[in-house]
Each structure stands twice: as structure tokens, then as C-alpha cells.
Amino acid sequence: MDWIRKGIGLYDEDLVYKVYSLFRDSRGNIWVGGMDANLAVIDKQDNISYYPIQQIKSIYQSKDGHILTTGRFFFFW
């Protein structure tokens, strides 16, 4: 998993340093939520996308496939 090593020794404002929630969705994407960085989504090809929402404490997928997060704010994707 090269995406784990990408941030070692480097500071990047998008990287999640305080992880509070990890979630693998039905498509195999890994969602990473934390307190001081944007919500990150890592796909099967190790591409990382960021959503401008922070302070994520939990991530959930509904039966119809939507991703829901909770924390300071609510996110629906």
C-alpha cells in the first residue's frame, strides 16, 4: 500500500494526521476521516481524492450506496 508511505516525513495540509474513522465502501474505496484535514478517499488504483470537510468521527454507507459522515458537520455523497 504505497499510499500509506506517501506522507512519511512530509507535511501536506490534505493528509489526515489524526485519523478517527476508516471505512471501506462496497466499491472497495477506503474513506479516511479525521480532525485536522479534508476527508480522503483512496480508490483501488491508489488514487486519492479529497473533499473539503473536516472533523469526521464516523463514516457509514447506506443501503442505496450513499456515503454518510458525522462529526462537526454532516456530509452526504
PDB file of N, CA and C in Angstrom:
ATOM      1  N   MET A   1       0.833  -1.184   0.000  1.00  0.00           N
ATOM      2  CA  MET A   1       0.000   0.000   0.000  1.00  0.00           C
ATOM      3  C   MET A   1       0.877   1.248   0.000  1.00  0.00           C
ATOM      4  N   ASP A   2       1.222   1.695  -1.176  1.00  0.00           N
ATOM      5  CA  ASP A   2       2.094   2.856  -1.304  1.00  0.00           C
ATOM      6  C   ASP A   2       1.481   4.125  -0.743  1.00  0.00           C
ATOM      7  N   TRP A   3       0.150   4.220  -0.715  1.00  0.00           N
ATOM      8  CA  TRP A   3      -0.479   5.454  -0.241  1.00  0.00           C
ATOM      9  C   TRP A   3      -0.180   5.713   1.221  1.00  0.00           C
ATOM     10  N   ILE A   4       0.154   4.679   1.977  1.00  0.00           N
ATOM     11  CA  ILE A   4       0.493   4.876   3.385  1.00  0.00           C
ATOM     12  C   ILE A   4       1.838   5.590   3.504  1.00  0.00           C
ATOM     13  N   ARG A   5       2.773   5.261   2.629  1.00  0.00           N
ATOM     14  CA  ARG A   5       4.128   5.806   2.720  1.00  0.00           C
ATOM     15  C   ARG A   5       4.264   7.188   2.104  1.00  0.00           C
ATOM     16  N   LYS A   6       3.318   7.642   1.336  1.00  0.00           N
ATOM     17  CA  LYS A   6       3.446   8.914   0.631  1.00  0.00           C
ATOM     18  C   LYS A   6       3.635  10.103   1.569  1.00  0.00           C
ATOM     19  N   GLY A   7       3.074  10.061   2.749  1.00  0.00           N
ATOM     20  CA  GLY A   7       3.143  11.211   3.641  1.00  0.00           C
ATOM     21  C   GLY A   7       4.252  11.155   4.669  1.00  0.00           C
ATOM     22  N   ILE A   8       5.013  10.089   4.719  1.00  0.00           N
ATOM     23  CA  ILE A   8       6.038   9.950   5.748  1.00  0.00           C
ATOM     24  C   ILE A   8       7.105  11.026   5.589  1.00  0.00           C
ATOM     25  N   GLY A   9       7.314  11.787   6.642  1.00  0.00           N
ATOM     26  CA  GLY A   9       8.354  12.795   6.652  1.00  0.00           C
ATOM     27  C   GLY A   9       7.989  14.100   5.968  1.00  0.00           C
ATOM     28  N   LEU A  10       6.824  14.195   5.399  1.00  0.00           N
ATOM     29  CA  LEU A  10       6.410  15.400   4.693  1.00  0.00           C
ATOM     30  C   LEU A  10       5.103  15.899   5.275  1.00  0.00           C
ATOM     31  N   TYR A  11       4.977  17.203   5.365  1.00  0.00           N
ATOM     32  CA  TYR A  11       3.707  17.766   5.803  1.00  0.00           C
ATOM     33  C   TYR A  11       2.908  18.157   4.574  1.00  0.00           C
ATOM     34  N   ASP A  12       1.672  17.782   4.561  1.00  0.00           N
ATOM     35  CA  ASP A  12       0.759  18.133   3.474  1.00  0.00           C
ATOM     36  C   ASP A  12      -0.570  18.460   4.132  1.00  0.00           C
ATOM     37  N   GLU A  13      -1.123  19.630   3.850  1.00  0.00           N
ATOM     38  CA  GLU A  13      -2.359  20.040   4.525  1.00  0.00           C
ATOM     39  C   GLU A  13      -3.530  19.119   4.214  1.00  0.00           C
ATOM     40  N   ASP A  14      -3.475  18.367   3.111  1.00  0.00           N
ATOM     41  CA  ASP A  14      -4.561  17.448   2.789  1.00  0.00           C
ATOM     42  C   ASP A  14      -4.462  16.123   3.533  1.00  0.00           C
ATOM     43  N   LEU A  15      -3.262  15.732   3.944  1.00  0.00           N
ATOM     44  CA  LEU A  15      -3.107  14.447   4.608  1.00  0.00           C
ATOM     45  C   LEU A  15      -3.788  14.455   5.970  1.00  0.00           C
ATOM     46  N   VAL A  16      -4.360  13.333   6.305  1.00  0.00           N
ATOM     47  CA  VAL A  16      -5.053  13.191   7.581  1.00  0.00           C
ATOM     48  C   VAL A  16      -4.058  12.635   8.594  1.00  0.00           C
ATOM     49  N   TYR A  17      -3.678  13.444   9.570  1.00  0.00           N
ATOM     50  CA  TYR A  17      -2.718  13.019  10.577  1.00  0.00           C
ATOM     51  C   TYR A  17      -3.399  12.469  11.830  1.00  0.00           C
ATOM     52  N   LYS A  18      -4.586  12.929  12.121  1.00  0.00           N
ATOM     53  CA  LYS A  18      -5.343  12.437  13.271  1.00  0.00           C
ATOM     54  C   LYS A  18      -6.559  11.695  12.735  1.00  0.00           C
ATOM     55  N   VAL A  19      -6.394  10.409  12.497  1.00  0.00           N
ATOM     56  CA  VAL A  19      -7.459   9.599  11.907  1.00  0.00           C
ATOM     57  C   VAL A  19      -8.429   9.166  12.997  1.00  0.00           C
ATOM     58  N   TYR A  20      -9.705   9.413  12.753  1.00  0.00           N
ATOM     59  CA  TYR A  20     -10.753   8.990  13.677  1.00  0.00           C
ATOM     60  C   TYR A  20     -11.646   7.923  13.075  1.00  0.00           C
ATOM     61  N   SER A  21     -11.646   7.804  11.752  1.00  0.00           N
ATOM     62  CA  SER A  21     -12.526   6.826  11.129  1.00  0.00           C
ATOM     63  C   SER A  21     -11.938   6.331   9.811  1.00  0.00           C
ATOM     64  N   LEU A  22     -11.935   5.013   9.650  1.00  0.00           N
ATOM     65  CA  LEU A  22     -11.581   4.365   8.390  1.00  0.00           C
ATOM     66  C   LEU A  22     -12.780   3.541   7.957  1.00  0.00           C
ATOM     67  N   PHE A  23     -13.084   3.577   6.664  1.00  0.00           N
ATOM     68  CA  PHE A  23     -14.249   2.842   6.182  1.00  0.00           C
ATOM     69  C   PHE A  23     -13.981   2.351   4.771  1.00  0.00           C
ATOM     70  N   ARG A  24     -14.266   1.080   4.496  1.00  0.00           N
ATOM     71  CA  ARG A  24     -14.176   0.537   3.145  1.00  0.00           C
ATOM     72  C   ARG A  24     -15.598   0.394   2.613  1.00  0.00           C
ATOM     73  N   ASP A  25     -15.876   1.065   1.490  1.00  0.00           N
ATOM     74  CA  ASP A  25     -17.228   1.018   0.934  1.00  0.00           C
ATOM     75  C   ASP A  25     -17.419  -0.202   0.034  1.00  0.00           C
ATOM     76  N   SER A  26     -18.608  -0.353  -0.518  1.00  0.00           N
ATOM     77  CA  SER A  26     -18.947  -1.522  -1.326  1.00  0.00           C
ATOM     78  C   SER A  26     -18.173  -1.591  -2.640  1.00  0.00           C
ATOM     79  N   ARG A  27     -17.558  -0.494  -3.055  1.00  0.00           N
ATOM     80  CA  ARG A  27     -16.737  -0.469  -4.275  1.00  0.00           C
ATOM     81  C   ARG A  27     -15.259  -0.701  -3.986  1.00  0.00           C
ATOM     82  N   GLY A  28     -14.919  -0.851  -2.714  1.00  0.00           N
ATOM     83  CA  GLY A  28     -13.533  -1.074  -2.335  1.00  0.00           C
ATOM     84  C   GLY A  28     -12.752   0.193  -2.054  1.00  0.00           C
ATOM     85  N   ASN A  29     -13.400   1.345  -2.110  1.00  0.00           N
ATOM     86  CA  ASN A  29     -12.741   2.607  -1.769  1.00  0.00           C
ATOM     87  C   ASN A  29     -12.542   2.687  -0.262  1.00  0.00           C
ATOM     88  N   ILE A  30     -11.435   3.267   0.149  1.00  0.00           N
ATOM     89  CA  ILE A  30     -11.178   3.473   1.571  1.00  0.00           C
ATOM     90  C   ILE A  30     -11.375   4.949   1.877  1.00  0.00           C
ATOM     91  N   TRP A  31     -12.240   5.225   2.831  1.00  0.00           N
ATOM     92  CA  TRP A  31     -12.543   6.595   3.260  1.00  0.00           C
ATOM     93  C   TRP A  31     -11.802   6.839   4.564  1.00  0.00           C
ATOM     94  N   VAL A  32     -11.104   7.970   4.649  1.00  0.00           N
ATOM     95  CA  VAL A  32     -10.315   8.311   5.829  1.00  0.00           C
ATOM     96  C   VAL A  32     -10.808   9.648   6.366  1.00  0.00           C
ATOM     97  N   GLY A  33     -11.315   9.619   7.574  1.00  0.00           N
ATOM     98  CA  GLY A  33     -11.812  10.836   8.203  1.00  0.00           C
ATOM     99  C   GLY A  33     -11.003  11.175   9.429  1.00  0.00           C
ATOM    100  N   GLY A  34     -10.781  12.454   9.625  1.00  0.00           N
ATOM    101  CA  GLY A  34     -10.012  12.896  10.780  1.00  0.00           C
ATOM    102  C   GLY A  34     -10.441  14.275  11.224  1.00  0.00           C
ATOM    103  N   MET A  35      -9.622  14.880  12.064  1.00  0.00           N
ATOM    104  CA  MET A  35      -9.991  16.150  12.657  1.00  0.00           C
ATOM    105  C   MET A  35      -9.369  17.359  11.967  1.00  0.00           C
ATOM    106  N   ASP A  36      -8.167  17.248  11.477  1.00  0.00           N
ATOM    107  CA  ASP A  36      -7.457  18.433  11.001  1.00  0.00           C
ATOM    108  C   ASP A  36      -7.115  18.396   9.519  1.00  0.00           C
ATOM    109  N   ALA A  37      -7.859  17.630   8.733  1.00  0.00           N
ATOM    110  CA  ALA A  37      -7.594  17.556   7.294  1.00  0.00           C
ATOM    111  C   ALA A  37      -8.892  17.209   6.571  1.00  0.00           C
ATOM    112  N   ASN A  38      -8.861  17.340   5.259  1.00  0.00           N
ATOM    113  CA  ASN A  38     -10.039  17.037   4.460  1.00  0.00           C
ATOM    114  C   ASN A  38     -10.330  15.540   4.444  1.00  0.00           C
ATOM    115  N   LEU A  39     -11.580  15.194   4.186  1.00  0.00           N
ATOM    116  CA  LEU A  39     -11.991  13.807   4.037  1.00  0.00           C
ATOM    117  C   LEU A  39     -11.276  13.225   2.822  1.00  0.00           C
ATOM    118  N   ALA A  40     -10.595  12.101   2.981  1.00  0.00           N
ATOM    119  CA  ALA A  40      -9.831  11.483   1.894  1.00  0.00           C
ATOM    120  C   ALA A  40     -10.506  10.194   1.454  1.00  0.00           C
ATOM    121  N   VAL A  41     -10.459   9.944   0.140  1.00  0.00           N
ATOM    122  CA  VAL A  41     -10.977   8.704  -0.428  1.00  0.00           C
ATOM    123  C   VAL A  41      -9.874   8.105  -1.293  1.00  0.00           C
ATOM    124  N   ILE A  42      -9.525   6.855  -1.010  1.00  0.00           N
ATOM    125  CA  ILE A  42      -8.476   6.166  -1.747  1.00  0.00           C
ATOM    126  C   ILE A  42      -9.132   5.045  -2.540  1.00  0.00           C
ATOM    127  N   ASP A  43      -8.974   5.084  -3.870  1.00  0.00           N
ATOM    128  CA  ASP A  43      -9.610   4.055  -4.695  1.00  0.00           C
ATOM    129  C   ASP A  43      -8.678   2.852  -4.872  1.00  0.00           C
ATOM    130  N   LYS A  44      -9.125   1.856  -5.625  1.00  0.00           N
ATOM    131  CA  LYS A  44      -8.368   0.618  -5.801  1.00  0.00           C
ATOM    132  C   LYS A  44      -7.047   0.822  -6.539  1.00  0.00           C
ATOM    133  N   GLN A  45      -6.929   1.908  -7.287  1.00  0.00           N
ATOM    134  CA  GLN A  45      -5.697   2.209  -8.007  1.00  0.00           C
ATOM    135  C   GLN A  45      -4.778   3.135  -7.202  1.00  0.00           C
ATOM    136  N   ASP A  46      -5.073   3.322  -5.925  1.00  0.00           N
ATOM    137  CA  ASP A  46      -4.318   4.177  -5.005  1.00  0.00           C
ATOM    138  C   ASP A  46      -4.400   5.662  -5.343  1.00  0.00           C
ATOM    139  N   ASN A  47      -5.394   6.069  -6.123  1.00  0.00           N
ATOM    140  CA  ASN A  47      -5.638   7.491  -6.357  1.00  0.00           C
ATOM    141  C   ASN A  47      -6.335   8.060  -5.128  1.00  0.00           C
ATOM    142  N   ILE A  48      -5.935   9.246  -4.716  1.00  0.00           N
ATOM    143  CA  ILE A  48      -6.523   9.866  -3.535  1.00  0.00           C
ATOM    144  C   ILE A  48      -7.295  11.108  -3.951  1.00  0.00           C
ATOM    145  N   SER A  49      -8.548  11.172  -3.515  1.00  0.00           N
ATOM    146  CA  SER A  49      -9.387  12.354  -3.728  1.00  0.00           C
ATOM    147  C   SER A  49      -9.699  12.945  -2.366  1.00  0.00           C
ATOM    148  N   TYR A  50      -9.877  14.262  -2.337  1.00  0.00           N
ATOM    149  CA  TYR A  50     -10.176  14.946  -1.080  1.00  0.00           C
ATOM    150  C   TYR A  50     -11.479  15.718  -1.199  1.00  0.00           C
ATOM    151  N   TYR A  51     -12.240  15.726  -0.129  1.00  0.00           N
ATOM    152  CA  TYR A  51     -13.463  16.516  -0.039  1.00  0.00           C
ATOM    153  C   TYR A  51     -13.268  17.539   1.076  1.00  0.00           C
ATOM    154  N   PRO A  52     -13.661  18.780   0.844  1.00  0.00           N
ATOM    155  CA  PRO A  52     -13.395  19.850   1.819  1.00  0.00           C
ATOM    156  C   PRO A  52     -14.323  19.801   3.031  1.00  0.00           C
ATOM    157  N   ILE A  53     -14.211  18.718   3.762  1.00  0.00           N
ATOM    158  CA  ILE A  53     -14.978  18.591   5.005  1.00  0.00           C
ATOM    159  C   ILE A  53     -14.049  17.978   6.044  1.00  0.00           C
ATOM    160  N   GLN A  54     -14.067  18.536   7.234  1.00  0.00           N
ATOM    161  CA  GLN A  54     -13.146  18.106   8.279  1.00  0.00           C
ATOM    162  C   GLN A  54     -13.917  17.676   9.517  1.00  0.00           C
ATOM    163  N   GLN A  55     -13.170  17.219  10.488  1.00  0.00           N
ATOM    164  CA  GLN A  55     -13.705  16.806  11.784  1.00  0.00           C
ATOM    165  C   GLN A  55     -14.699  15.657  11.645  1.00  0.00           C
ATOM    166  N   ILE A  56     -14.283  14.624  10.935  1.00  0.00           N
ATOM    167  CA  ILE A  56     -15.098  13.433  10.706  1.00  0.00           C
ATOM    168  C   ILE A  56     -14.860  12.438  11.835  1.00  0.00           C
ATOM    169  N   LYS A  57     -15.930  11.976  12.439  1.00  0.00           N
ATOM    170  CA  LYS A  57     -15.800  10.979  13.503  1.00  0.00           C
ATOM    171  C   LYS A  57     -16.322   9.610  13.093  1.00  0.00           C
ATOM    172  N   SER A  58     -17.245   9.554  12.141  1.00  0.00           N
ATOM    173  CA  SER A  58     -17.720   8.253  11.672  1.00  0.00           C
ATOM    174  C   SER A  58     -18.134   8.341  10.206  1.00  0.00           C
ATOM    175  N   ILE A  59     -18.004   7.205   9.527  1.00  0.00           N
ATOM    176  CA  ILE A  59     -18.352   7.099   8.112  1.00  0.00           C
ATOM    177  C   ILE A  59     -19.225   5.863   7.955  1.00  0.00           C
ATOM    178  N   TYR A  60     -20.275   5.990   7.162  1.00  0.00           N
ATOM    179  CA  TYR A  60     -21.251   4.919   7.000  1.00  0.00           C
ATOM    180  C   TYR A  60     -21.729   4.908   5.553  1.00  0.00           C
ATOM    181  N   GLN A  61     -22.098   3.731   5.046  1.00  0.00           N
ATOM    182  CA  GLN A  61     -22.691   3.633   3.714  1.00  0.00           C
ATOM    183  C   GLN A  61     -24.121   3.130   3.849  1.00  0.00           C
ATOM    184  N   SER A  62     -25.042   3.865   3.239  1.00  0.00           N
ATOM    185  CA  SER A  62     -26.448   3.464   3.286  1.00  0.00           C
ATOM    186  C   SER A  62     -26.688   2.284   2.346  1.00  0.00           C
ATOM    187  N   LYS A  63     -27.832   1.653   2.464  1.00  0.00           N
ATOM    188  CA  LYS A  63     -28.166   0.502   1.626  1.00  0.00           C
ATOM    189  C   LYS A  63     -28.175   0.845   0.144  1.00  0.00           C
ATOM    190  N   ASP A  64     -28.500   2.100  -0.186  1.00  0.00           N
ATOM    191  CA  ASP A  64     -28.522   2.504  -1.596  1.00  0.00           C
ATOM    192  C   ASP A  64     -27.165   3.025  -2.076  1.00  0.00           C
ATOM    193  N   GLY A  65     -26.119   2.902  -1.260  1.00  0.00           N
ATOM    194  CA  GLY A  65     -24.763   3.214  -1.687  1.00  0.00           C
ATOM    195  C   GLY A  65     -24.244   4.595  -1.360  1.00  0.00           C
ATOM    196  N   HIS A  66     -25.052   5.441  -0.763  1.00  0.00           N
ATOM    197  CA  HIS A  66     -24.587   6.783  -0.403  1.00  0.00           C
ATOM    198  C   HIS A  66     -23.671   6.722   0.819  1.00  0.00           C
ATOM    199  N   ILE A  67     -22.671   7.595   0.817  1.00  0.00           N
ATOM    200  CA  ILE A  67     -21.747   7.695   1.944  1.00  0.00           C
ATOM    201  C   ILE A  67     -22.221   8.818   2.855  1.00  0.00           C
ATOM    202  N   LEU A  68     -22.306   8.526   4.135  1.00  0.00           N
ATOM    203  CA  LEU A  68     -22.715   9.498   5.148  1.00  0.00           C
ATOM    204  C   LEU A  68     -21.585   9.622   6.165  1.00  0.00           C
ATOM    205  N   THR A  69     -21.296  10.839   6.567  1.00  0.00           N
ATOM    206  CA  THR A  69     -20.305  11.042   7.618  1.00  0.00           C
ATOM    207  C   THR A  69     -20.921  11.892   8.724  1.00  0.00           C
ATOM    208  N   THR A  70     -20.401  11.713   9.908  1.00  0.00           N
ATOM    209  CA  THR A  70     -20.828  12.551  11.024  1.00  0.00           C
ATOM    210  C   THR A  70     -19.600  13.075  11.745  1.00  0.00           C
ATOM    211  N   GLY A  71     -19.792  14.125  12.446  1.00  0.00           N
ATOM    212  CA  GLY A  71     -18.742  14.793  13.201  1.00  0.00           C
ATOM    213  C   GLY A  71     -19.258  16.174  13.522  1.00  0.00           C
ATOM    214  N   ARG A  72     -18.462  17.153  13.237  1.00  0.00           N
ATOM    215  CA  ARG A  72     -18.920  18.526  13.445  1.00  0.00           C
ATOM    216  C   ARG A  72     -19.954  18.913  12.388  1.00  0.00           C
ATOM    217  N   PHE A  73     -19.805  18.343  11.187  1.00  0.00           N
ATOM    218  CA  PHE A  73     -20.725  18.616  10.089  1.00  0.00           C
ATOM    219  C   PHE A  73     -21.278  17.302   9.566  1.00  0.00           C
ATOM    220  N   PHE A  74     -22.277  17.380   8.701  1.00  0.00           N
ATOM    221  CA  PHE A  74     -22.871  16.202   8.082  1.00  0.00           C
ATOM    222  C   PHE A  74     -22.538  16.240   6.601  1.00  0.00           C
ATOM    223  N   PHE A  75     -22.113  15.115   6.032  1.00  0.00           N
ATOM    224  CA  PHE A  75     -21.740  15.034   4.622  1.00  0.00           C
ATOM    225  C   PHE A  75     -22.500  13.889   3.985  1.00  0.00           C
ATOM    226  N   PHE A  76     -23.053  14.124   2.812  1.00  0.00           N
ATOM    227  CA  PHE A  76     -23.812  13.114   2.078  1.00  0.00           C
ATOM    228  C   PHE A  76     -23.266  13.063   0.669  1.00  0.00           C
ATOM    229  N   TRP A  77     -22.821  11.882   0.225  1.00  0.00           N
ATOM    230  CA  TRP A  77     -22.272  11.749  -1.117  1.00  0.00           C
ATOM    231  C   TRP A  77     -22.842  10.547  -1.798  1.00  0.00           C
TER     232      TRP A  77
END
